[in-house]
Amino acid sequence: MPVLHRYKERHEHYVLTSINGAIITFQLTKEGEGKLRSAGIAAGQPFARAFLLDLYRSGDAYTHGLGPGKAVLKVDPRQMSFDFSNDPEPESLFPSCAVCTSPFDLHLVEIRNGDYFASILCPNCRKAKHYEIDSSIPLPLLTRGIFNRFLEIKGIEKKDSSVLGYQELLNADFQTQWEGIAKRPKGKSIRQEKLFDLKEDKQNSLL
């Protein structure tokens, strides 16, 4: 499970987690730290991997291509303790590069050479000469609606396993939100803006 850590010399936090056998460091925005605090998560505490995925998709947890175990600020090695034992959530819950399984700086890409298809690639694999890439969109910018609309506009029918897996995650999250709405007491008003991610309308204008 991901574990929240605090930098020794500054009042800022980062997250350590294990993905595909590597220890990955995620930096947090102030908003991301606020979300964890509001959920009652303190430094040293593990939390659900699905929560980290939500922070990643909102842009509040990020890597910017940093390697495993690295951080923007200097970290006391004694702070690098964690406990990933008995993690009930599969690592496959988090997206990774279709080629090398890296979780860093992932983009949804449109590959035009050979079979025309969509994939999810890291920076190094996007630079590979054997790929002819047209569109390339950072994964955290993609809501479920934007994701599906992009594929429709581009006429992309073939998707590799990385794309199919991420679509499943987005669909599962969407279904969970609607199930939560259905369980609300009857007669209780629901503000429409709470049902949908308002960022999606702004992002729609980009396509």
C-alpha atoms as a PDB file:
ATOM      1  CA  MET A   1       0.000   0.000   0.000  1.00  0.00           C
ATOM      2  CA  PRO A   2       1.190   3.578  -0.559  1.00  0.00           C
ATOM      3  CA  VAL A   3       2.650   5.269   2.517  1.00  0.00           C
ATOM      4  CA  LEU A   4       2.647   9.018   3.213  1.00  0.00           C
ATOM      5  CA  HIS A   5       5.990  10.516   4.306  1.00  0.00           C
ATOM      6  CA  ARG A   6       7.041  13.984   5.412  1.00  0.00           C
ATOM      7  CA  TYR A   7      10.274  15.723   4.417  1.00  0.00           C
ATOM      8  CA  LYS A   8      12.485  16.335   7.416  1.00  0.00           C
ATOM      9  CA  GLU A   9      13.371  19.991   6.799  1.00  0.00           C
ATOM     10  CA  ARG A  10      10.184  21.245   5.131  1.00  0.00           C
ATOM     11  CA  HIS A  11       6.507  20.913   5.864  1.00  0.00           C
ATOM     12  CA  GLU A  12       5.829  18.989   2.676  1.00  0.00           C
ATOM     13  CA  HIS A  13       4.920  15.382   2.008  1.00  0.00           C
ATOM     14  CA  TYR A  14       5.552  12.691  -0.565  1.00  0.00           C
ATOM     15  CA  VAL A  15       4.256   9.169  -1.148  1.00  0.00           C
ATOM     16  CA  LEU A  16       6.186   5.932  -1.503  1.00  0.00           C
ATOM     17  CA  THR A  17       4.658   2.884  -3.105  1.00  0.00           C
ATOM     18  CA  SER A  18       5.760  -0.293  -4.848  1.00  0.00           C
ATOM     19  CA  ILE A  19       4.896  -0.744  -8.519  1.00  0.00           C
ATOM     20  CA  ASN A  20       6.214  -3.628 -10.597  1.00  0.00           C
ATOM     21  CA  GLY A  21       8.887  -4.409  -8.012  1.00  0.00           C
ATOM     22  CA  ALA A  22      10.290  -0.851  -7.843  1.00  0.00           C
ATOM     23  CA  ILE A  23       9.878   1.692  -5.040  1.00  0.00           C
ATOM     24  CA  ILE A  24       8.281   4.761  -6.611  1.00  0.00           C
ATOM     25  CA  THR A  25       8.216   8.280  -5.172  1.00  0.00           C
ATOM     26  CA  PHE A  26       5.223  10.513  -5.907  1.00  0.00           C
ATOM     27  CA  GLN A  27       5.355  14.219  -5.113  1.00  0.00           C
ATOM     28  CA  LEU A  28       2.157  15.913  -3.973  1.00  0.00           C
ATOM     29  CA  THR A  29       0.596  19.275  -4.704  1.00  0.00           C
ATOM     30  CA  LYS A  30      -0.752  21.301  -1.783  1.00  0.00           C
ATOM     31  CA  GLU A  31      -4.220  20.245  -2.885  1.00  0.00           C
ATOM     32  CA  GLY A  32      -3.138  16.606  -2.840  1.00  0.00           C
ATOM     33  CA  GLU A  33      -1.751  16.959   0.671  1.00  0.00           C
ATOM     34  CA  GLY A  34      -5.007  18.618   1.712  1.00  0.00           C
ATOM     35  CA  LYS A  35      -7.057  15.738   0.326  1.00  0.00           C
ATOM     36  CA  LEU A  36      -5.004  13.226   2.298  1.00  0.00           C
ATOM     37  CA  ARG A  37      -5.301  15.273   5.477  1.00  0.00           C
ATOM     38  CA  SER A  38      -9.065  15.595   5.040  1.00  0.00           C
ATOM     39  CA  ALA A  39      -9.216  11.805   4.719  1.00  0.00           C
ATOM     40  CA  GLY A  40      -7.451  11.491   8.070  1.00  0.00           C
ATOM     41  CA  ILE A  41      -4.165  10.212   6.610  1.00  0.00           C
ATOM     42  CA  ALA A  42      -1.070  11.336   8.531  1.00  0.00           C
ATOM     43  CA  ALA A  43       2.652  10.930   7.859  1.00  0.00           C
ATOM     44  CA  GLY A  44       3.748   7.330   8.279  1.00  0.00           C
ATOM     45  CA  GLN A  45       0.313   5.929   7.500  1.00  0.00           C
ATOM     46  CA  PRO A  46      -0.479   3.591   4.586  1.00  0.00           C
ATOM     47  CA  PHE A  47      -3.575   4.233   2.502  1.00  0.00           C
ATOM     48  CA  ALA A  48      -5.500   2.633  -0.345  1.00  0.00           C
ATOM     49  CA  ARG A  49      -3.751   2.448  -3.712  1.00  0.00           C
ATOM     50  CA  ALA A  50      -7.015   3.519  -5.339  1.00  0.00           C
ATOM     51  CA  PHE A  51      -6.726   6.826  -3.469  1.00  0.00           C
ATOM     52  CA  LEU A  52      -3.265   7.414  -4.950  1.00  0.00           C
ATOM     53  CA  LEU A  53      -4.685   6.652  -8.381  1.00  0.00           C
ATOM     54  CA  ASP A  54      -7.365   9.314  -7.852  1.00  0.00           C
ATOM     55  CA  LEU A  55      -4.682  11.839  -6.852  1.00  0.00           C
ATOM     56  CA  TYR A  56      -2.651  10.882  -9.916  1.00  0.00           C
ATOM     57  CA  ARG A  57      -5.608  11.314 -12.256  1.00  0.00           C
ATOM     58  CA  SER A  58      -6.371  14.742 -10.786  1.00  0.00           C
ATOM     59  CA  GLY A  59      -2.727  15.826 -11.138  1.00  0.00           C
ATOM     60  CA  ASP A  60      -2.253  16.067  -7.360  1.00  0.00           C
ATOM     61  CA  ALA A  61       0.284  13.199  -7.289  1.00  0.00           C
ATOM     62  CA  TYR A  62       3.015  13.261  -9.921  1.00  0.00           C
ATOM     63  CA  THR A  63       6.438  11.883 -10.837  1.00  0.00           C
ATOM     64  CA  HIS A  64       7.665  14.143 -13.680  1.00  0.00           C
ATOM     65  CA  GLY A  65       9.874  11.311 -14.880  1.00  0.00           C
ATOM     66  CA  LEU A  66      11.900  10.969 -11.684  1.00  0.00           C
ATOM     67  CA  GLY A  67      13.395   7.549 -11.096  1.00  0.00           C
ATOM     68  CA  PRO A  68      12.425   5.111  -8.357  1.00  0.00           C
ATOM     69  CA  GLY A  69      13.167   6.373  -4.885  1.00  0.00           C
ATOM     70  CA  LYS A  70      14.173   9.880  -5.977  1.00  0.00           C
ATOM     71  CA  ALA A  71      12.551  13.035  -4.646  1.00  0.00           C
ATOM     72  CA  VAL A  72      12.552  16.706  -5.547  1.00  0.00           C
ATOM     73  CA  LEU A  73      13.930  17.635  -2.114  1.00  0.00           C
ATOM     74  CA  LYS A  74      16.757  15.989  -0.179  1.00  0.00           C
ATOM     75  CA  VAL A  75      15.411  13.257   2.044  1.00  0.00           C
ATOM     76  CA  ASP A  76      16.984  11.780   5.156  1.00  0.00           C
ATOM     77  CA  PRO A  77      17.526   8.047   4.405  1.00  0.00           C
ATOM     78  CA  ARG A  78      15.990   7.282   7.789  1.00  0.00           C
ATOM     79  CA  GLN A  79      12.714   8.611   6.438  1.00  0.00           C
ATOM     80  CA  MET A  80      12.640   6.034   3.658  1.00  0.00           C
ATOM     81  CA  SER A  81      10.956   3.431   5.801  1.00  0.00           C
ATOM     82  CA  PHE A  82       7.719   1.864   4.621  1.00  0.00           C
ATOM     83  CA  ASP A  83       5.545  -1.177   4.998  1.00  0.00           C
ATOM     84  CA  PHE A  84       4.134  -2.717   1.841  1.00  0.00           C
ATOM     85  CA  SER A  85       3.405  -6.109   3.400  1.00  0.00           C
ATOM     86  CA  ASN A  86      -0.009  -7.666   2.996  1.00  0.00           C
ATOM     87  CA  ASP A  87      -1.065  -5.128   0.385  1.00  0.00           C
ATOM     88  CA  PRO A  88      -4.637  -6.171  -0.488  1.00  0.00           C
ATOM     89  CA  GLU A  89      -4.666  -4.202  -3.729  1.00  0.00           C
ATOM     90  CA  PRO A  90      -2.979  -5.414  -6.923  1.00  0.00           C
ATOM     91  CA  GLU A  91      -0.192  -3.342  -8.451  1.00  0.00           C
ATOM     92  CA  SER A  92      -2.049  -3.623 -11.739  1.00  0.00           C
ATOM     93  CA  LEU A  93      -4.480  -1.088 -10.291  1.00  0.00           C
ATOM     94  CA  PHE A  94      -1.988   1.609 -11.309  1.00  0.00           C
ATOM     95  CA  PRO A  95      -1.278   2.348 -15.005  1.00  0.00           C
ATOM     96  CA  SER A  96       2.148   1.628 -16.474  1.00  0.00           C
ATOM     97  CA  CYS A  97       3.983   1.865 -19.787  1.00  0.00           C
ATOM     98  CA  ALA A  98       2.903  -0.797 -22.274  1.00  0.00           C
ATOM     99  CA  VAL A  99       6.542  -1.497 -23.229  1.00  0.00           C
ATOM    100  CA  CYS A 100       8.719  -1.224 -20.095  1.00  0.00           C
ATOM    101  CA  THR A 101       6.033  -1.042 -17.307  1.00  0.00           C
ATOM    102  CA  SER A 102       7.410   2.282 -16.027  1.00  0.00           C
ATOM    103  CA  PRO A 103       4.789   4.396 -14.190  1.00  0.00           C
ATOM    104  CA  PHE A 104       6.543   7.704 -14.940  1.00  0.00           C
ATOM    105  CA  ASP A 105       5.129  10.561 -17.029  1.00  0.00           C
ATOM    106  CA  LEU A 106       2.659   8.365 -18.917  1.00  0.00           C
ATOM    107  CA  HIS A 107       0.879   9.573 -22.066  1.00  0.00           C
ATOM    108  CA  LEU A 108      -1.946   8.140 -24.115  1.00  0.00           C
ATOM    109  CA  VAL A 109      -0.445   8.011 -27.613  1.00  0.00           C
ATOM    110  CA  GLU A 110      -1.732   7.488 -31.135  1.00  0.00           C
ATOM    111  CA  ILE A 111       0.670   5.180 -33.003  1.00  0.00           C
ATOM    112  CA  ARG A 112       0.359   5.382 -36.782  1.00  0.00           C
ATOM    113  CA  ASN A 113       3.078   3.095 -38.157  1.00  0.00           C
ATOM    114  CA  GLY A 114       2.239  -0.554 -38.665  1.00  0.00           C
ATOM    115  CA  ASP A 115      -1.059  -1.336 -36.952  1.00  0.00           C
ATOM    116  CA  TYR A 116      -2.909   1.893 -36.153  1.00  0.00           C
ATOM    117  CA  PHE A 117      -3.610   1.733 -32.428  1.00  0.00           C
ATOM    118  CA  ALA A 118      -3.593   3.505 -29.075  1.00  0.00           C
ATOM    119  CA  SER A 119      -1.098   2.789 -26.327  1.00  0.00           C
ATOM    120  CA  ILE A 120       0.203   4.205 -23.042  1.00  0.00           C
ATOM    121  CA  LEU A 121       3.934   4.982 -23.050  1.00  0.00           C
ATOM    122  CA  CYS A 122       6.570   6.555 -20.796  1.00  0.00           C
ATOM    123  CA  PRO A 123       9.003   9.271 -22.075  1.00  0.00           C
ATOM    124  CA  ASN A 124      11.776   6.855 -23.071  1.00  0.00           C
ATOM    125  CA  CYS A 125       9.457   4.597 -25.033  1.00  0.00           C
ATOM    126  CA  ARG A 126       7.777   7.586 -26.702  1.00  0.00           C
ATOM    127  CA  LYS A 127      11.206   8.536 -28.056  1.00  0.00           C
ATOM    128  CA  ALA A 128      11.786   5.114 -29.595  1.00  0.00           C
ATOM    129  CA  LYS A 129      12.509   5.453 -33.302  1.00  0.00           C
ATOM    130  CA  HIS A 130      10.315   2.520 -34.294  1.00  0.00           C
ATOM    131  CA  TYR A 131       7.191   4.401 -33.163  1.00  0.00           C
ATOM    132  CA  GLU A 132       5.480   6.988 -35.369  1.00  0.00           C
ATOM    133  CA  ILE A 133       3.469   8.915 -32.780  1.00  0.00           C
ATOM    134  CA  ASP A 134       0.884  11.519 -33.685  1.00  0.00           C
ATOM    135  CA  SER A 135      -1.214  12.664 -30.695  1.00  0.00           C
ATOM    136  CA  SER A 136       0.244  12.339 -27.194  1.00  0.00           C
ATOM    137  CA  ILE A 137      -1.787  13.340 -24.124  1.00  0.00           C
ATOM    138  CA  PRO A 138      -0.632  13.202 -20.464  1.00  0.00           C
ATOM    139  CA  LEU A 139      -2.663  10.540 -18.695  1.00  0.00           C
ATOM    140  CA  PRO A 140      -3.685  12.728 -15.702  1.00  0.00           C
ATOM    141  CA  LEU A 141      -5.490  15.093 -18.115  1.00  0.00           C
ATOM    142  CA  LEU A 142      -7.800  12.369 -19.339  1.00  0.00           C
ATOM    143  CA  THR A 143     -11.185  11.959 -17.739  1.00  0.00           C
ATOM    144  CA  ARG A 144     -13.392   9.077 -18.839  1.00  0.00           C
ATOM    145  CA  GLY A 145     -15.289  11.339 -21.265  1.00  0.00           C
ATOM    146  CA  ILE A 146     -12.179  12.860 -22.822  1.00  0.00           C
ATOM    147  CA  PHE A 147     -10.562   9.443 -23.115  1.00  0.00           C
ATOM    148  CA  ASN A 148     -13.505   7.990 -25.037  1.00  0.00           C
ATOM    149  CA  ARG A 149     -14.005  11.106 -27.155  1.00  0.00           C
ATOM    150  CA  PHE A 150     -10.345  11.148 -28.175  1.00  0.00           C
ATOM    151  CA  LEU A 151     -10.552   7.553 -29.417  1.00  0.00           C
ATOM    152  CA  GLU A 152     -13.792   8.320 -31.272  1.00  0.00           C
ATOM    153  CA  ILE A 153     -12.533  11.500 -32.961  1.00  0.00           C
ATOM    154  CA  LYS A 154      -9.303   9.815 -34.032  1.00  0.00           C
ATOM    155  CA  GLY A 155     -11.142   6.720 -35.220  1.00  0.00           C
ATOM    156  CA  ILE A 156      -8.930   4.461 -33.127  1.00  0.00           C
ATOM    157  CA  GLU A 157     -10.445   1.007 -32.813  1.00  0.00           C
ATOM    158  CA  LYS A 158      -7.422  -1.039 -31.805  1.00  0.00           C
ATOM    159  CA  LYS A 159      -6.143  -0.584 -28.238  1.00  0.00           C
ATOM    160  CA  ASP A 160      -3.352  -2.469 -26.539  1.00  0.00           C
ATOM    161  CA  SER A 161      -3.667  -3.997 -23.058  1.00  0.00           C
ATOM    162  CA  SER A 162      -2.392  -0.842 -21.306  1.00  0.00           C
ATOM    163  CA  VAL A 163      -5.209   1.241 -22.790  1.00  0.00           C
ATOM    164  CA  LEU A 164      -7.848  -1.402 -22.151  1.00  0.00           C
ATOM    165  CA  GLY A 165      -6.711  -1.681 -18.531  1.00  0.00           C
ATOM    166  CA  TYR A 166      -6.871   2.069 -17.961  1.00  0.00           C
ATOM    167  CA  GLN A 167     -10.306   2.245 -19.553  1.00  0.00           C
ATOM    168  CA  GLU A 168     -11.465  -0.417 -17.121  1.00  0.00           C
ATOM    169  CA  LEU A 169     -10.188   1.700 -14.225  1.00  0.00           C
ATOM    170  CA  LEU A 170     -11.996   4.796 -15.476  1.00  0.00           C
ATOM    171  CA  ASN A 171     -15.206   2.849 -16.058  1.00  0.00           C
ATOM    172  CA  ALA A 172     -15.021   1.230 -12.609  1.00  0.00           C
ATOM    173  CA  ASP A 173     -14.538   4.630 -10.977  1.00  0.00           C
ATOM    174  CA  PHE A 174     -17.485   6.033 -12.938  1.00  0.00           C
ATOM    175  CA  GLN A 175     -19.680   3.098 -11.900  1.00  0.00           C
ATOM    176  CA  THR A 176     -18.668   3.505  -8.257  1.00  0.00           C
ATOM    177  CA  GLN A 177     -19.663   7.180  -8.293  1.00  0.00           C
ATOM    178  CA  TRP A 178     -23.092   6.367  -9.721  1.00  0.00           C
ATOM    179  CA  GLU A 179     -23.642   3.576  -7.227  1.00  0.00           C
ATOM    180  CA  GLY A 180     -22.844   6.053  -4.466  1.00  0.00           C
ATOM    181  CA  ILE A 181     -25.425   8.457  -5.874  1.00  0.00           C
ATOM    182  CA  ALA A 182     -28.041   5.701  -6.083  1.00  0.00           C
ATOM    183  CA  LYS A 183     -27.559   4.913  -2.395  1.00  0.00           C
ATOM    184  CA  ARG A 184     -28.344   8.469  -1.274  1.00  0.00           C
ATOM    185  CA  PRO A 185     -31.601   8.919   0.647  1.00  0.00           C
ATOM    186  CA  LYS A 186     -34.574   9.592  -1.610  1.00  0.00           C
ATOM    187  CA  GLY A 187     -35.585  13.213  -1.828  1.00  0.00           C
ATOM    188  CA  LYS A 188     -32.126  14.482  -1.014  1.00  0.00           C
ATOM    189  CA  SER A 189     -31.086  17.068  -3.564  1.00  0.00           C
ATOM    190  CA  ILE A 190     -27.847  16.566  -5.451  1.00  0.00           C
ATOM    191  CA  ARG A 191     -26.012  19.466  -6.987  1.00  0.00           C
ATOM    192  CA  GLN A 192     -25.287  18.636 -10.616  1.00  0.00           C
ATOM    193  CA  GLU A 193     -21.731  19.893 -10.503  1.00  0.00           C
ATOM    194  CA  LYS A 194     -20.930  17.230  -7.931  1.00  0.00           C
ATOM    195  CA  LEU A 195     -21.890  14.432 -10.306  1.00  0.00           C
ATOM    196  CA  PHE A 196     -19.352  15.211 -12.954  1.00  0.00           C
ATOM    197  CA  ASP A 197     -15.788  16.438 -13.101  1.00  0.00           C
ATOM    198  CA  LEU A 198     -16.053  20.070 -14.209  1.00  0.00           C
ATOM    199  CA  LYS A 199     -12.556  19.858 -15.682  1.00  0.00           C
ATOM    200  CA  GLU A 200     -13.941  17.611 -18.384  1.00  0.00           C
ATOM    201  CA  ASP A 201     -15.931  20.430 -20.003  1.00  0.00           C
ATOM    202  CA  LYS A 202     -12.829  22.608 -20.112  1.00  0.00           C
ATOM    203  CA  GLN A 203     -10.766  19.782 -21.562  1.00  0.00           C
ATOM    204  CA  ASN A 204     -13.408  19.017 -24.184  1.00  0.00           C
ATOM    205  CA  SER A 205     -12.631  22.364 -25.754  1.00  0.00           C
ATOM    206  CA  LEU A 206      -9.056  21.177 -26.426  1.00  0.00           C
ATOM    207  CA  LEU A 207     -10.215  18.449 -28.775  1.00  0.00           C
END
